[in-house]
Amino acid sequence: MESKKICYIVILILILCIVGVYFYGSIKLNSFKKAQELAFSNKIAQMNANFEASQKAKTDSLMKSVAVPLSYFVKNAIESNNNQIINECFNELVRQKGFKDINLVRDGKITVGTNKKFEGEKFDKIYPEDFAKYKEITIKQLQPGLSYLIVPIMSTNSQLGFVVITFGE
């Protein structure tokens, strides 16, 4: 009789051990799954950030490449006093995907622009004042998804003005 009690106690202890191991394994498995999901989501977030940075770098490079011939074109048009051709060029560019607004600033005022309500206005009502200080092609992002390409228009001895191209998503 006493051996039966010992046998039942041993069986009960074994069942308790099996249940304990099962719950311990379940807890460990769940924590492992959560850790893997977190690592996976972090990896995806990092890949997205890398992709977005790569796309922004490519876009910025392309915009700077467009800015060089544009600056020569605008310089020649200014020197020949032909604002109409500048206006046509700006309007054609702004029709392209990603371009929002293009303005030529001379003597502190917007002289030619794709948004006619800004023509004749002081540029610092629309853009930061430091845009006028840039002496080389510069890209500034003042808000997410919207960037500004500042293109100084230089003659041999002086700056004739600058073009501000607003572009983004």
Protein backbone atom coordinates (compact mmCIF):
# COMPACT_ATOMS: atom_id res chain seq x y z
CA MET A 1 0.00 0.00 0.00
CA GLU A 2 2.77 2.37 0.87
CA SER A 3 4.55 1.63 -2.41
CA LYS A 4 1.36 2.60 -4.25
CA LYS A 5 1.36 5.96 -2.44
CA ILE A 6 4.97 6.54 -3.36
CA CYS A 7 4.19 5.57 -6.95
CA TYR A 8 1.26 8.06 -7.07
CA ILE A 9 3.42 10.79 -5.55
CA VAL A 10 6.18 10.15 -8.10
CA ILE A 11 3.62 10.19 -10.95
CA LEU A 12 2.12 13.44 -9.56
CA ILE A 13 5.59 15.00 -9.33
CA LEU A 14 6.37 13.89 -12.92
CA ILE A 15 3.07 15.37 -14.18
CA LEU A 16 3.80 18.62 -12.34
CA CYS A 17 7.31 18.68 -13.85
CA ILE A 18 5.91 18.07 -17.36
CA VAL A 19 3.28 20.82 -16.93
CA GLY A 20 5.95 23.17 -15.52
CA VAL A 21 8.34 22.44 -18.42
CA TYR A 22 5.47 22.95 -20.90
CA PHE A 23 4.55 26.37 -19.47
CA TYR A 24 8.19 27.40 -19.17
CA GLY A 25 8.76 26.44 -22.82
CA SER A 26 5.61 28.29 -23.91
CA ILE A 27 6.73 31.45 -22.12
CA LYS A 28 10.23 31.21 -23.59
CA LEU A 29 8.83 30.57 -27.09
CA ASN A 30 6.51 33.57 -26.87
CA SER A 31 9.30 35.85 -25.68
CA PHE A 32 11.52 34.54 -28.51
CA LYS A 33 8.74 35.21 -31.06
CA LYS A 34 8.26 38.75 -29.74
CA ALA A 35 12.00 39.40 -29.87
CA GLN A 36 12.15 38.10 -33.46
CA GLU A 37 9.15 40.23 -34.49
CA LEU A 38 10.74 43.30 -32.93
CA ALA A 39 14.07 42.59 -34.64
CA PHE A 40 12.26 42.05 -37.95
CA SER A 41 10.27 45.29 -37.65
CA ASN A 42 13.45 47.20 -36.72
CA LYS A 43 15.20 45.72 -39.75
CA ILE A 44 12.29 46.72 -42.01
CA ALA A 45 12.29 50.25 -40.55
CA GLN A 46 16.04 50.52 -41.12
CA MET A 47 15.69 49.27 -44.70
CA ASN A 48 12.91 51.82 -45.33
CA ALA A 49 15.03 54.62 -43.88
CA ASN A 50 18.00 53.56 -46.02
CA PHE A 51 15.81 53.41 -49.12
CA GLU A 52 14.32 56.85 -48.46
CA ALA A 53 17.78 58.33 -47.86
CA SER A 54 19.02 56.75 -51.08
CA GLN A 55 16.02 58.10 -53.02
CA LYS A 56 16.52 61.58 -51.54
CA ALA A 57 20.21 61.53 -52.44
CA LYS A 58 19.38 60.51 -56.02
CA THR A 59 16.69 63.20 -56.30
CA ASP A 60 19.01 65.85 -54.88
CA SER A 61 21.76 64.84 -57.28
CA LEU A 62 19.39 64.95 -60.23
CA MET A 63 18.05 68.35 -59.17
CA LYS A 64 21.56 69.76 -58.88
CA SER A 65 22.33 68.36 -62.34
CA VAL A 66 19.27 70.16 -63.75
CA ALA A 67 20.25 73.38 -61.96
CA VAL A 68 23.55 73.86 -63.80
CA PRO A 69 22.17 74.24 -67.34
CA LEU A 70 19.14 76.10 -65.95
CA SER A 71 21.43 78.70 -64.37
CA TYR A 72 23.21 79.30 -67.70
CA PHE A 73 19.88 79.51 -69.51
CA VAL A 74 18.46 82.04 -67.03
CA LYS A 75 21.72 84.04 -67.05
CA ASN A 76 21.62 84.34 -70.83
CA ALA A 77 17.93 85.28 -70.78
CA ILE A 78 18.52 87.95 -68.11
CA GLU A 79 21.43 89.41 -70.06
CA SER A 80 19.26 89.58 -73.20
CA ASN A 81 16.37 90.99 -71.10
CA ASN A 82 14.00 88.17 -72.15
CA ASN A 83 11.79 87.38 -69.15
CA GLN A 84 9.19 85.77 -71.41
CA ILE A 85 11.48 82.85 -72.29
CA ILE A 86 12.33 82.39 -68.60
CA ASN A 87 8.60 82.30 -67.84
CA GLU A 88 8.00 79.68 -70.56
CA CYS A 89 10.87 77.54 -69.28
CA PHE A 90 9.63 77.72 -65.67
CA ASN A 91 6.07 76.87 -66.71
CA GLU A 92 7.29 73.86 -68.69
CA LEU A 93 9.40 72.63 -65.77
CA VAL A 94 6.62 73.01 -63.22
CA ARG A 95 4.41 70.73 -65.35
CA GLN A 96 6.83 67.90 -64.64
CA LYS A 97 6.11 65.59 -61.73
CA GLY A 98 7.63 66.70 -58.44
CA PHE A 99 8.04 70.40 -59.30
CA LYS A 100 5.77 72.65 -57.26
CA ASP A 101 6.85 76.23 -57.86
CA ILE A 102 9.73 78.11 -59.54
CA ASN A 103 10.66 81.75 -58.97
CA LEU A 104 13.40 84.05 -60.20
CA VAL A 105 14.46 86.56 -57.56
CA ARG A 106 16.26 89.75 -58.57
CA ASP A 107 16.96 92.75 -56.37
CA GLY A 108 15.03 91.20 -53.48
CA LYS A 109 11.80 90.73 -55.47
CA ILE A 110 10.26 87.88 -57.39
CA THR A 111 10.47 88.98 -61.02
CA VAL A 112 9.36 85.81 -62.81
CA GLY A 113 7.47 82.93 -61.26
CA THR A 114 5.06 80.14 -61.95
CA ASN A 115 2.67 81.50 -59.32
CA LYS A 116 1.78 84.92 -60.74
CA LYS A 117 0.40 86.24 -57.44
CA PHE A 118 3.94 86.30 -56.04
CA GLU A 119 5.49 88.29 -58.91
CA GLY A 120 6.59 91.71 -57.68
CA GLU A 121 6.50 90.61 -54.02
CA LYS A 122 9.55 90.72 -51.77
CA PHE A 123 11.07 87.26 -51.76
CA ASP A 124 11.49 87.16 -47.96
CA LYS A 125 7.69 87.10 -47.56
CA ILE A 126 7.76 83.63 -49.11
CA TYR A 127 11.27 82.25 -48.55
CA PRO A 128 13.83 82.48 -45.73
CA GLU A 129 16.14 85.49 -46.04
CA ASP A 130 19.29 83.37 -46.05
CA PHE A 131 18.34 81.95 -49.49
CA ALA A 132 19.81 85.18 -50.96
CA LYS A 133 23.20 84.49 -49.37
CA TYR A 134 23.94 81.20 -51.14
CA LYS A 135 26.69 81.48 -53.73
CA GLU A 136 26.43 77.89 -54.94
CA ILE A 137 23.63 75.50 -55.81
CA THR A 138 22.02 74.46 -52.53
CA ILE A 139 19.15 72.20 -51.50
CA LYS A 140 17.26 72.96 -48.29
CA GLN A 141 14.49 70.88 -46.77
CA LEU A 142 12.44 73.06 -44.44
CA GLN A 143 9.58 70.59 -44.00
CA PRO A 144 9.16 66.87 -44.68
CA GLY A 145 8.42 66.04 -48.30
CA LEU A 146 9.17 69.57 -49.56
CA SER A 147 12.60 70.83 -50.59
CA TYR A 148 13.97 74.01 -52.08
CA LEU A 149 16.67 74.17 -54.72
CA ILE A 150 18.41 77.54 -54.63
CA VAL A 151 20.29 78.30 -57.84
CA PRO A 152 22.39 81.49 -57.85
CA ILE A 153 22.55 83.19 -61.24
CA MET A 154 26.07 84.52 -61.61
CA SER A 155 27.56 86.80 -64.24
CA THR A 156 31.26 87.28 -64.63
CA ASN A 157 31.58 89.77 -61.77
CA SER A 158 28.36 89.63 -59.77
CA GLN A 159 25.25 87.74 -58.84
CA LEU A 160 22.32 88.66 -61.07
CA GLY A 161 19.77 86.95 -58.85
CA PHE A 162 18.75 83.45 -57.90
CA VAL A 163 16.13 80.88 -58.79
CA VAL A 164 14.18 79.00 -56.11
CA ILE A 165 12.65 75.71 -57.20
CA THR A 166 10.20 74.11 -54.79
CA PHE A 167 9.96 70.35 -55.29
CA GLY A 168 8.79 67.32 -53.42
CA GLU A 169 6.51 64.34 -53.31
